[in-house]
Amino acid sequence: MASTSSVAAALAVLPPRDDAPRVIQQFTSVFLVSRFGELWRVYDATDVNSADRRMPSNSSARPLRIFVALARKTEVRVYTFAPGESRSVDPASLQGQLDGSA
């Protein structure tokens, strides 16, 4: 898991908030800064309770994308991909997946 200081450092270099989602990608982690300024760590997984969560990827075949709120560790949101749906990790796609998650 990324240290709090490395995430804070990444957030510090972002331009001023303009309600546009942003992606922070580190070597082993992807984070979404939502359009509301919330920070979410993003994973791809085979099931909700799976311990084998992986860094999200455009080429992933895992059926779920999991969003974990860093400010509220107990909040987890899950997005289920439709067959053939894009697994893009660009800011707009991740924001749409977060919006469509349960």
Protein backbone atom coordinates (compact mmCIF):
# COMPACT_ATOMS: atom_id res chain seq x y z
CA MET A 1 0.00 0.00 0.00
CA ALA A 2 1.23 3.51 -0.77
CA SER A 3 2.35 5.60 2.13
CA THR A 4 0.26 8.57 3.14
CA SER A 5 3.19 10.90 2.50
CA SER A 6 3.66 9.71 -1.10
CA VAL A 7 -0.04 10.21 -1.83
CA ALA A 8 0.05 13.65 -0.21
CA ALA A 9 3.09 14.55 -2.30
CA ALA A 10 1.31 13.45 -5.46
CA LEU A 11 -1.76 15.51 -4.56
CA ALA A 12 0.38 18.56 -3.86
CA VAL A 13 1.58 18.77 -7.46
CA LEU A 14 -1.89 18.65 -8.98
CA PRO A 15 -3.26 21.87 -10.44
CA PRO A 16 -6.00 23.67 -8.50
CA ARG A 17 -9.26 21.76 -8.28
CA ASP A 18 -11.54 22.39 -11.22
CA ASP A 19 -14.01 19.55 -10.60
CA ALA A 20 -12.26 17.37 -13.18
CA PRO A 21 -11.28 13.87 -12.03
CA ARG A 22 -7.58 13.04 -12.01
CA VAL A 23 -5.56 9.83 -11.90
CA ILE A 24 -2.40 9.39 -9.86
CA GLN A 25 -0.43 6.38 -11.04
CA GLN A 26 2.49 5.02 -9.06
CA PHE A 27 4.53 1.90 -9.76
CA THR A 28 2.08 -0.47 -8.09
CA SER A 29 -0.97 1.69 -7.42
CA VAL A 30 -3.62 3.74 -9.17
CA PHE A 31 -5.58 6.43 -7.36
CA LEU A 32 -8.57 8.45 -8.53
CA VAL A 33 -9.09 11.99 -7.29
CA SER A 34 -12.82 12.24 -7.95
CA ARG A 35 -14.54 15.32 -9.27
CA PHE A 36 -15.51 16.02 -5.65
CA GLY A 37 -11.87 15.90 -4.50
CA GLU A 38 -12.15 12.51 -2.76
CA LEU A 39 -9.18 10.15 -3.02
CA TRP A 40 -9.88 6.52 -3.97
CA ARG A 41 -7.47 3.63 -4.46
CA VAL A 42 -8.50 1.53 -7.45
CA TYR A 43 -8.14 -2.24 -7.93
CA ASP A 44 -9.27 -4.94 -10.34
CA ALA A 45 -10.51 -8.17 -8.70
CA THR A 46 -12.29 -11.43 -9.32
CA ASP A 47 -14.70 -11.03 -6.41
CA VAL A 48 -15.53 -8.48 -3.73
CA ASN A 49 -13.85 -10.31 -0.86
CA SER A 50 -10.85 -11.44 -2.88
CA ALA A 51 -7.41 -10.94 -1.37
CA ASP A 52 -5.85 -10.96 -4.85
CA ARG A 53 -6.76 -7.41 -5.80
CA ARG A 54 -4.53 -6.12 -8.60
CA MET A 55 -3.56 -2.75 -10.00
CA PRO A 56 -6.20 -1.81 -12.59
CA SER A 57 -5.25 -2.27 -16.22
CA ASN A 58 -6.73 -1.68 -19.66
CA SER A 59 -6.03 -5.35 -20.43
CA SER A 60 -7.47 -6.83 -17.24
CA ALA A 61 -9.98 -9.67 -17.57
CA ARG A 62 -11.14 -9.38 -13.95
CA PRO A 63 -14.87 -8.69 -13.76
CA LEU A 64 -14.79 -6.11 -10.94
CA ARG A 65 -13.22 -2.72 -10.34
CA ILE A 66 -13.00 -1.88 -6.65
CA PHE A 67 -12.72 1.65 -5.24
CA VAL A 68 -11.51 2.09 -1.66
CA ALA A 69 -11.94 5.53 -0.09
CA LEU A 70 -8.68 6.50 1.57
CA ALA A 71 -10.28 8.97 3.96
CA ARG A 72 -12.91 6.41 4.98
CA LYS A 73 -11.26 2.98 4.93
CA THR A 74 -14.58 1.25 5.54
CA GLU A 75 -16.11 2.65 2.34
CA VAL A 76 -15.67 0.28 -0.57
CA ARG A 77 -17.49 0.64 -3.87
CA VAL A 78 -17.65 -2.06 -6.54
CA TYR A 79 -18.19 -1.66 -10.27
CA THR A 80 -19.09 -4.73 -12.35
CA PHE A 81 -18.00 -4.68 -15.99
CA ALA A 82 -20.43 -5.68 -18.71
CA PRO A 83 -19.14 -8.24 -21.25
CA GLY A 84 -16.83 -6.51 -23.75
CA GLU A 85 -16.85 -3.21 -21.83
CA SER A 86 -13.71 -1.06 -21.89
CA ARG A 87 -11.49 -1.30 -18.83
CA SER A 88 -9.83 2.04 -19.41
CA VAL A 89 -8.08 3.71 -16.49
CA ASP A 90 -8.29 7.29 -17.76
CA PRO A 91 -9.81 9.88 -15.38
CA ALA A 92 -13.21 10.16 -17.10
CA SER A 93 -13.65 6.37 -17.32
CA LEU A 94 -12.71 5.79 -13.69
CA GLN A 95 -15.05 8.59 -12.58
CA GLY A 96 -17.87 7.00 -14.61
CA GLN A 97 -17.15 3.60 -13.07
CA LEU A 98 -17.10 5.12 -9.58
CA ASP A 99 -20.42 6.87 -10.31
CA GLY A 100 -21.89 3.56 -11.49
CA SER A 101 -20.55 1.54 -8.57
CA ALA A 102 -22.52 0.18 -5.64
